[in-house]
């Protein structure tokens, strides 16, 4: 069964940027749409963005203009670039593959704090 591993999280000051990676193993990520979700502390997991196999992109409102989703099928990976971060963006960020979802990563922590 395929696995997804996220990386790139960390602590950043308000206004800062991070680029998250989602690397697949044991599966061909090019066969699936990829989505990013996040789970803020004490809150439910929420959708952030998705990119289909053909490259069609959808963002939730809070991500528009600040976050950028992309994929590199040659590297079996997808990415989420986070810009203009605020403390409200503090969360564990997860990637998923497929709809219905066939694989989840374990997440990468993003903390936005001064």
C-alpha atoms as a PDB file:
ATOM      1  CA  UNK A   1       0.000   0.000   0.000  1.00  0.00           C
ATOM      2  CA  UNK A   2       1.213   3.440  -0.836  1.00  0.00           C
ATOM      3  CA  UNK A   3       2.417   5.914   1.737  1.00  0.00           C
ATOM      4  CA  UNK A   4       2.624   9.682   1.888  1.00  0.00           C
ATOM      5  CA  UNK A   5       5.178  11.585   3.940  1.00  0.00           C
ATOM      6  CA  UNK A   6       4.919  15.302   4.585  1.00  0.00           C
ATOM      7  CA  UNK A   7       7.834  17.541   5.452  1.00  0.00           C
ATOM      8  CA  UNK A   8       8.792  21.196   5.504  1.00  0.00           C
ATOM      9  CA  UNK A   9       6.870  22.343   8.534  1.00  0.00           C
ATOM     10  CA  UNK A  10       8.380  24.365  11.329  1.00  0.00           C
ATOM     11  CA  UNK A  11       8.099  27.533  13.344  1.00  0.00           C
ATOM     12  CA  UNK A  12       7.908  30.809  11.477  1.00  0.00           C
ATOM     13  CA  UNK A  13       7.136  34.411  12.380  1.00  0.00           C
ATOM     14  CA  UNK A  14       3.931  36.100  11.214  1.00  0.00           C
ATOM     15  CA  UNK A  15       4.309  37.148   7.611  1.00  0.00           C
ATOM     16  CA  UNK A  16       6.742  34.355   6.915  1.00  0.00           C
ATOM     17  CA  UNK A  17       6.672  31.523   4.426  1.00  0.00           C
ATOM     18  CA  UNK A  18       7.102  27.778   4.318  1.00  0.00           C
ATOM     19  CA  UNK A  19       6.997  25.200   1.547  1.00  0.00           C
ATOM     20  CA  UNK A  20       5.525  21.841   2.496  1.00  0.00           C
ATOM     21  CA  UNK A  21       6.301  18.675   0.586  1.00  0.00           C
ATOM     22  CA  UNK A  22       4.303  15.480   0.232  1.00  0.00           C
ATOM     23  CA  UNK A  23       6.306  12.573  -1.156  1.00  0.00           C
ATOM     24  CA  UNK A  24       4.670   9.310  -2.148  1.00  0.00           C
ATOM     25  CA  UNK A  25       6.183   5.841  -2.002  1.00  0.00           C
ATOM     26  CA  UNK A  26       4.736   2.532  -3.092  1.00  0.00           C
ATOM     27  CA  UNK A  27       2.252   4.292  -5.345  1.00  0.00           C
ATOM     28  CA  UNK A  28       2.227   6.368  -8.500  1.00  0.00           C
ATOM     29  CA  UNK A  29       1.016   9.757  -7.343  1.00  0.00           C
ATOM     30  CA  UNK A  30       0.343  10.809 -10.943  1.00  0.00           C
ATOM     31  CA  UNK A  31      -2.706   8.533 -10.916  1.00  0.00           C
ATOM     32  CA  UNK A  32      -4.370  10.530  -8.141  1.00  0.00           C
ATOM     33  CA  UNK A  33      -5.564  13.938  -7.225  1.00  0.00           C
ATOM     34  CA  UNK A  34      -3.754  15.351  -4.209  1.00  0.00           C
ATOM     35  CA  UNK A  35      -5.281  17.440  -1.464  1.00  0.00           C
ATOM     36  CA  UNK A  36      -3.910  19.291   1.525  1.00  0.00           C
ATOM     37  CA  UNK A  37      -5.795  19.572   4.792  1.00  0.00           C
ATOM     38  CA  UNK A  38      -4.910  21.103   8.125  1.00  0.00           C
ATOM     39  CA  UNK A  39      -5.947  20.575  11.718  1.00  0.00           C
ATOM     40  CA  UNK A  40      -5.545  23.544  14.055  1.00  0.00           C
ATOM     41  CA  UNK A  41      -5.015  22.847  17.771  1.00  0.00           C
ATOM     42  CA  UNK A  42      -8.232  21.618  19.361  1.00  0.00           C
ATOM     43  CA  UNK A  43     -10.133  21.861  16.100  1.00  0.00           C
ATOM     44  CA  UNK A  44     -11.282  19.594  13.301  1.00  0.00           C
ATOM     45  CA  UNK A  45      -9.355  18.809  10.147  1.00  0.00           C
ATOM     46  CA  UNK A  46     -10.238  21.211   7.346  1.00  0.00           C
ATOM     47  CA  UNK A  47      -9.684  21.274   3.619  1.00  0.00           C
ATOM     48  CA  UNK A  48      -7.042  23.661   2.282  1.00  0.00           C
ATOM     49  CA  UNK A  49      -6.445  22.957  -1.421  1.00  0.00           C
ATOM     50  CA  UNK A  50      -6.456  20.256  -4.035  1.00  0.00           C
ATOM     51  CA  UNK A  51      -4.894  19.606  -7.415  1.00  0.00           C
ATOM     52  CA  UNK A  52      -6.334  17.034  -9.803  1.00  0.00           C
ATOM     53  CA  UNK A  53      -4.425  14.665 -12.043  1.00  0.00           C
ATOM     54  CA  UNK A  54      -4.819  17.142 -14.872  1.00  0.00           C
ATOM     55  CA  UNK A  55      -3.695  20.076 -12.754  1.00  0.00           C
ATOM     56  CA  UNK A  56      -7.037  21.689 -11.971  1.00  0.00           C
ATOM     57  CA  UNK A  57      -6.691  23.529  -8.665  1.00  0.00           C
ATOM     58  CA  UNK A  58      -9.155  24.457  -5.965  1.00  0.00           C
ATOM     59  CA  UNK A  59      -8.495  26.514  -2.819  1.00  0.00           C
ATOM     60  CA  UNK A  60     -10.524  27.203   0.274  1.00  0.00           C
ATOM     61  CA  UNK A  61     -11.161  30.919   0.733  1.00  0.00           C
ATOM     62  CA  UNK A  62      -8.546  31.479   3.439  1.00  0.00           C
ATOM     63  CA  UNK A  63      -5.862  30.000   1.189  1.00  0.00           C
ATOM     64  CA  UNK A  64      -6.578  32.048  -1.915  1.00  0.00           C
ATOM     65  CA  UNK A  65      -3.813  34.504  -2.694  1.00  0.00           C
ATOM     66  CA  UNK A  66      -1.539  33.166   0.062  1.00  0.00           C
ATOM     67  CA  UNK A  67      -1.077  29.433  -0.530  1.00  0.00           C
ATOM     68  CA  UNK A  68       0.006  27.666  -3.716  1.00  0.00           C
ATOM     69  CA  UNK A  69      -0.490  23.982  -4.409  1.00  0.00           C
ATOM     70  CA  UNK A  70       1.569  22.217  -7.043  1.00  0.00           C
ATOM     71  CA  UNK A  71       2.717  18.764  -8.064  1.00  0.00           C
ATOM     72  CA  UNK A  72       5.741  17.196  -9.693  1.00  0.00           C
ATOM     73  CA  UNK A  73       4.787  13.765 -10.944  1.00  0.00           C
ATOM     74  CA  UNK A  74       8.353  13.058 -12.010  1.00  0.00           C
ATOM     75  CA  UNK A  75       9.317  13.300  -8.331  1.00  0.00           C
ATOM     76  CA  UNK A  76       6.148  11.554  -7.146  1.00  0.00           C
ATOM     77  CA  UNK A  77       5.497  14.574  -4.987  1.00  0.00           C
ATOM     78  CA  UNK A  78       3.165  17.453  -4.317  1.00  0.00           C
ATOM     79  CA  UNK A  79       3.746  20.729  -2.555  1.00  0.00           C
ATOM     80  CA  UNK A  80       1.971  23.450  -0.649  1.00  0.00           C
ATOM     81  CA  UNK A  81       3.659  26.810  -0.454  1.00  0.00           C
ATOM     82  CA  UNK A  82       2.459  28.949   2.436  1.00  0.00           C
ATOM     83  CA  UNK A  83       2.950  32.717   2.352  1.00  0.00           C
ATOM     84  CA  UNK A  84       1.870  35.657   4.511  1.00  0.00           C
ATOM     85  CA  UNK A  85       1.372  33.287   7.409  1.00  0.00           C
ATOM     86  CA  UNK A  86      -0.599  34.349  10.463  1.00  0.00           C
ATOM     87  CA  UNK A  87      -0.939  32.696  13.882  1.00  0.00           C
ATOM     88  CA  UNK A  88      -4.327  31.380  12.710  1.00  0.00           C
ATOM     89  CA  UNK A  89      -2.468  29.199  10.198  1.00  0.00           C
ATOM     90  CA  UNK A  90      -0.893  27.229  13.046  1.00  0.00           C
ATOM     91  CA  UNK A  91      -1.908  23.615  12.473  1.00  0.00           C
ATOM     92  CA  UNK A  92      -0.765  20.171  11.486  1.00  0.00           C
ATOM     93  CA  UNK A  93      -0.852  19.999   7.695  1.00  0.00           C
ATOM     94  CA  UNK A  94      -1.712  16.713   5.989  1.00  0.00           C
ATOM     95  CA  UNK A  95      -1.674  15.594   2.384  1.00  0.00           C
ATOM     96  CA  UNK A  96      -3.960  12.982   0.899  1.00  0.00           C
ATOM     97  CA  UNK A  97      -4.217  11.126  -2.379  1.00  0.00           C
ATOM     98  CA  UNK A  98      -7.306  10.118  -4.260  1.00  0.00           C
ATOM     99  CA  UNK A  99     -11.002  10.745  -3.923  1.00  0.00           C
ATOM    100  CA  UNK A 100     -12.171   8.785  -2.085  1.00  0.00           C
ATOM    101  CA  UNK A 101      -8.920   9.115  -0.196  1.00  0.00           C
ATOM    102  CA  UNK A 102      -6.683   6.083  -0.497  1.00  0.00           C
ATOM    103  CA  UNK A 103      -3.749   7.399   1.522  1.00  0.00           C
ATOM    104  CA  UNK A 104      -3.030  10.019   4.178  1.00  0.00           C
ATOM    105  CA  UNK A 105       0.268  11.286   5.437  1.00  0.00           C
ATOM    106  CA  UNK A 106       0.986  11.694   9.145  1.00  0.00           C
ATOM    107  CA  UNK A 107       1.244  15.438   8.904  1.00  0.00           C
ATOM    108  CA  UNK A 108       3.795  18.174   9.459  1.00  0.00           C
ATOM    109  CA  UNK A 109       3.474  20.833  12.149  1.00  0.00           C
ATOM    110  CA  UNK A 110       3.350  24.486  11.164  1.00  0.00           C
ATOM    111  CA  UNK A 111       3.597  27.003  13.996  1.00  0.00           C
ATOM    112  CA  UNK A 112       3.273  30.713  13.331  1.00  0.00           C
ATOM    113  CA  UNK A 113       4.370  32.760  16.300  1.00  0.00           C
ATOM    114  CA  UNK A 114       6.500  35.758  17.156  1.00  0.00           C
END
